[in-house]
Amino acid sequence: MSRLTVYSREDCPLCEELLAELLPWADERGFAVQIIDVDSDPQLLRRYGLKVPLVDWSGETVCFGHLDLLALKTITRSA
């Protein structure tokens, strides 16, 4: 099963909006979604800071801030 990773944080309206769009889309296609709270790790906090939500596919940033379904469809097409 292919996996998407979302870097997020609690009480983040943009994160909640992105996940509300992404989770049903990913479920329909059989993609697992791992959600990581950047505030849980000092290294992640330094790396991502305010650049959340961020969607990652196999180590490659797909989009951040808002869900870019076109970019997501393009990058996951071969999966």
N, C-alpha and C. Protein backbone atom coordinates (compact mmCIF):
# COMPACT_ATOMS: atom_id res chain seq x y z
N MET A 1 0.83 -1.18 0.00
CA MET A 1 0.00 0.00 0.00
C MET A 1 0.88 1.25 0.00
N SER A 2 0.58 2.19 -0.85
CA SER A 2 1.34 3.43 -0.92
C SER A 2 0.92 4.36 0.20
N ARG A 3 1.83 5.24 0.59
CA ARG A 3 1.56 6.08 1.74
C ARG A 3 1.82 7.55 1.47
N LEU A 4 0.90 8.35 1.93
CA LEU A 4 1.05 9.80 1.95
C LEU A 4 1.34 10.21 3.38
N THR A 5 2.18 11.20 3.55
CA THR A 5 2.46 11.73 4.88
C THR A 5 2.01 13.17 4.91
N VAL A 6 1.30 13.52 5.96
CA VAL A 6 0.87 14.91 6.15
C VAL A 6 1.53 15.42 7.41
N TYR A 7 2.30 16.50 7.27
CA TYR A 7 2.88 17.17 8.42
C TYR A 7 1.90 18.25 8.82
N SER A 8 1.52 18.22 10.08
CA SER A 8 0.40 19.02 10.56
C SER A 8 0.68 19.48 11.98
N ARG A 9 -0.30 20.16 12.56
CA ARG A 9 -0.24 20.50 13.99
C ARG A 9 -1.66 20.64 14.51
N GLU A 10 -1.79 20.51 15.80
CA GLU A 10 -3.11 20.63 16.43
C GLU A 10 -3.61 22.07 16.32
N ASP A 11 -4.93 22.21 16.33
CA ASP A 11 -5.58 23.52 16.30
C ASP A 11 -5.16 24.36 15.10
N CYS A 12 -5.01 23.70 13.95
CA CYS A 12 -4.61 24.37 12.72
C CYS A 12 -5.77 24.26 11.72
N PRO A 13 -6.51 25.34 11.50
CA PRO A 13 -7.65 25.27 10.59
C PRO A 13 -7.27 24.83 9.17
N LEU A 14 -6.14 25.30 8.66
CA LEU A 14 -5.70 24.85 7.33
C LEU A 14 -5.44 23.35 7.31
N CYS A 15 -4.85 22.83 8.37
CA CYS A 15 -4.56 21.40 8.47
C CYS A 15 -5.87 20.60 8.46
N GLU A 16 -6.82 21.06 9.24
CA GLU A 16 -8.12 20.38 9.31
C GLU A 16 -8.83 20.40 7.96
N GLU A 17 -8.76 21.52 7.26
CA GLU A 17 -9.38 21.64 5.94
C GLU A 17 -8.72 20.69 4.94
N LEU A 18 -7.39 20.69 4.93
CA LEU A 18 -6.67 19.82 4.00
C LEU A 18 -6.99 18.35 4.28
N LEU A 19 -6.97 17.96 5.54
CA LEU A 19 -7.25 16.56 5.88
C LEU A 19 -8.68 16.16 5.52
N ALA A 20 -9.63 17.08 5.69
CA ALA A 20 -11.02 16.79 5.35
C ALA A 20 -11.17 16.50 3.85
N GLU A 21 -10.34 17.12 3.02
CA GLU A 21 -10.36 16.88 1.58
C GLU A 21 -9.53 15.65 1.21
N LEU A 22 -8.37 15.52 1.84
CA LEU A 22 -7.42 14.48 1.46
C LEU A 22 -7.86 13.08 1.90
N LEU A 23 -8.35 12.93 3.11
CA LEU A 23 -8.63 11.59 3.64
C LEU A 23 -9.64 10.81 2.81
N PRO A 24 -10.77 11.39 2.40
CA PRO A 24 -11.70 10.62 1.55
C PRO A 24 -11.09 10.28 0.19
N TRP A 25 -10.35 11.23 -0.38
CA TRP A 25 -9.68 11.00 -1.68
C TRP A 25 -8.71 9.83 -1.57
N ALA A 26 -7.88 9.85 -0.53
CA ALA A 26 -6.88 8.80 -0.33
C ALA A 26 -7.55 7.45 -0.06
N ASP A 27 -8.61 7.45 0.74
CA ASP A 27 -9.32 6.22 1.06
C ASP A 27 -9.90 5.57 -0.20
N GLU A 28 -10.47 6.37 -1.08
CA GLU A 28 -11.04 5.85 -2.33
C GLU A 28 -9.98 5.17 -3.20
N ARG A 29 -8.75 5.62 -3.08
CA ARG A 29 -7.67 5.10 -3.92
C ARG A 29 -6.78 4.08 -3.21
N GLY A 30 -7.09 3.80 -1.96
CA GLY A 30 -6.33 2.81 -1.21
C GLY A 30 -4.99 3.29 -0.69
N PHE A 31 -4.84 4.61 -0.53
CA PHE A 31 -3.60 5.16 0.00
C PHE A 31 -3.73 5.35 1.51
N ALA A 32 -2.75 4.89 2.24
CA ALA A 32 -2.69 5.15 3.68
C ALA A 32 -2.18 6.57 3.87
N VAL A 33 -2.66 7.22 4.91
CA VAL A 33 -2.21 8.57 5.23
C VAL A 33 -1.65 8.57 6.64
N GLN A 34 -0.40 8.95 6.75
CA GLN A 34 0.24 9.08 8.05
C GLN A 34 0.24 10.57 8.40
N ILE A 35 -0.27 10.90 9.58
CA ILE A 35 -0.33 12.28 10.02
C ILE A 35 0.70 12.47 11.12
N ILE A 36 1.60 13.42 10.92
CA ILE A 36 2.67 13.68 11.89
C ILE A 36 2.54 15.10 12.41
N ASP A 37 2.50 15.22 13.72
CA ASP A 37 2.42 16.52 14.38
C ASP A 37 3.83 17.11 14.47
N VAL A 38 4.07 18.20 13.76
CA VAL A 38 5.42 18.78 13.74
C VAL A 38 5.84 19.31 15.11
N ASP A 39 4.86 19.63 15.95
CA ASP A 39 5.19 20.15 17.28
C ASP A 39 5.66 19.05 18.24
N SER A 40 5.57 17.79 17.81
CA SER A 40 5.96 16.68 18.68
C SER A 40 7.46 16.40 18.63
N ASP A 41 8.17 17.06 17.73
CA ASP A 41 9.59 16.78 17.55
C ASP A 41 10.32 18.08 17.20
N PRO A 42 11.32 18.47 17.99
CA PRO A 42 12.03 19.73 17.74
C PRO A 42 12.64 19.80 16.33
N GLN A 43 13.12 18.69 15.81
CA GLN A 43 13.69 18.69 14.46
C GLN A 43 12.62 18.96 13.40
N LEU A 44 11.45 18.34 13.57
CA LEU A 44 10.36 18.59 12.63
C LEU A 44 9.88 20.03 12.74
N LEU A 45 9.83 20.55 13.94
CA LEU A 45 9.40 21.93 14.14
C LEU A 45 10.37 22.89 13.45
N ARG A 46 11.66 22.64 13.56
CA ARG A 46 12.66 23.47 12.87
C ARG A 46 12.53 23.33 11.36
N ARG A 47 12.30 22.11 10.90
CA ARG A 47 12.25 21.85 9.46
C ARG A 47 11.01 22.46 8.80
N TYR A 48 9.86 22.30 9.45
CA TYR A 48 8.61 22.73 8.83
C TYR A 48 8.06 24.04 9.38
N GLY A 49 8.35 24.36 10.64
CA GLY A 49 7.89 25.62 11.23
C GLY A 49 6.43 25.88 10.93
N LEU A 50 6.18 26.97 10.24
CA LEU A 50 4.81 27.34 9.89
C LEU A 50 4.39 26.80 8.52
N LYS A 51 5.24 26.00 7.91
CA LYS A 51 4.96 25.47 6.57
C LYS A 51 4.11 24.19 6.68
N VAL A 52 2.95 24.33 7.32
CA VAL A 52 2.01 23.23 7.47
C VAL A 52 0.63 23.72 7.07
N PRO A 53 -0.22 22.85 6.63
CA PRO A 53 0.00 21.43 6.39
C PRO A 53 0.86 21.22 5.15
N LEU A 54 1.60 20.15 5.17
CA LEU A 54 2.45 19.78 4.06
C LEU A 54 2.19 18.32 3.72
N VAL A 55 1.95 18.05 2.44
CA VAL A 55 1.70 16.68 1.98
C VAL A 55 2.96 16.19 1.30
N ASP A 56 3.40 15.00 1.71
CA ASP A 56 4.62 14.38 1.20
C ASP A 56 4.27 13.03 0.60
N TRP A 57 4.89 12.72 -0.52
CA TRP A 57 4.72 11.41 -1.17
C TRP A 57 6.12 10.86 -1.41
N SER A 58 6.48 9.81 -0.69
CA SER A 58 7.78 9.16 -0.85
C SER A 58 8.95 10.14 -0.78
N GLY A 59 8.89 11.04 0.20
CA GLY A 59 9.98 11.97 0.42
C GLY A 59 9.93 13.22 -0.45
N GLU A 60 8.92 13.35 -1.26
CA GLU A 60 8.79 14.52 -2.15
C GLU A 60 7.59 15.35 -1.73
N THR A 61 7.82 16.64 -1.55
CA THR A 61 6.71 17.53 -1.20
C THR A 61 5.77 17.65 -2.38
N VAL A 62 4.49 17.39 -2.11
CA VAL A 62 3.46 17.51 -3.14
C VAL A 62 2.85 18.91 -3.08
N CYS A 63 2.49 19.35 -1.88
CA CYS A 63 1.88 20.67 -1.71
C CYS A 63 1.92 21.04 -0.24
N PHE A 64 1.73 22.34 0.02
CA PHE A 64 1.58 22.77 1.41
C PHE A 64 0.63 23.95 1.45
N GLY A 65 0.02 24.13 2.60
CA GLY A 65 -0.95 25.21 2.77
C GLY A 65 -2.35 24.77 2.39
N HIS A 66 -2.52 24.40 1.13
CA HIS A 66 -3.80 23.93 0.61
C HIS A 66 -3.57 22.69 -0.23
N LEU A 67 -4.56 21.84 -0.32
CA LEU A 67 -4.45 20.62 -1.09
C LEU A 67 -4.45 20.94 -2.59
N ASP A 68 -3.45 20.45 -3.28
CA ASP A 68 -3.35 20.60 -4.73
C ASP A 68 -3.65 19.23 -5.33
N LEU A 69 -4.92 18.99 -5.65
CA LEU A 69 -5.32 17.67 -6.15
C LEU A 69 -4.67 17.33 -7.48
N LEU A 70 -4.44 18.32 -8.33
CA LEU A 70 -3.80 18.04 -9.61
C LEU A 70 -2.38 17.53 -9.39
N ALA A 71 -1.62 18.18 -8.52
CA ALA A 71 -0.26 17.72 -8.21
C ALA A 71 -0.29 16.35 -7.57
N LEU A 72 -1.24 16.13 -6.69
CA LEU A 72 -1.36 14.84 -6.01
C LEU A 72 -1.70 13.73 -6.99
N LYS A 73 -2.64 13.99 -7.88
CA LYS A 73 -3.01 12.98 -8.89
C LYS A 73 -1.83 12.67 -9.80
N THR A 74 -1.08 13.70 -10.16
CA THR A 74 0.07 13.51 -11.05
C THR A 74 1.15 12.66 -10.39
N ILE A 75 1.48 12.97 -9.16
CA ILE A 75 2.58 12.27 -8.48
C ILE A 75 2.19 10.84 -8.07
N THR A 76 0.91 10.60 -7.84
CA THR A 76 0.49 9.26 -7.40
C THR A 76 0.01 8.39 -8.56
N ARG A 77 0.01 8.91 -9.75
CA ARG A 77 -0.52 8.20 -10.91
C ARG A 77 0.09 6.81 -11.11
N SER A 78 1.38 6.70 -10.86
CA SER A 78 2.05 5.41 -11.12
C SER A 78 1.91 4.42 -9.96
N ALA A 79 1.30 4.85 -8.87
CA ALA A 79 1.18 3.98 -7.70
C ALA A 79 0.03 3.01 -7.85
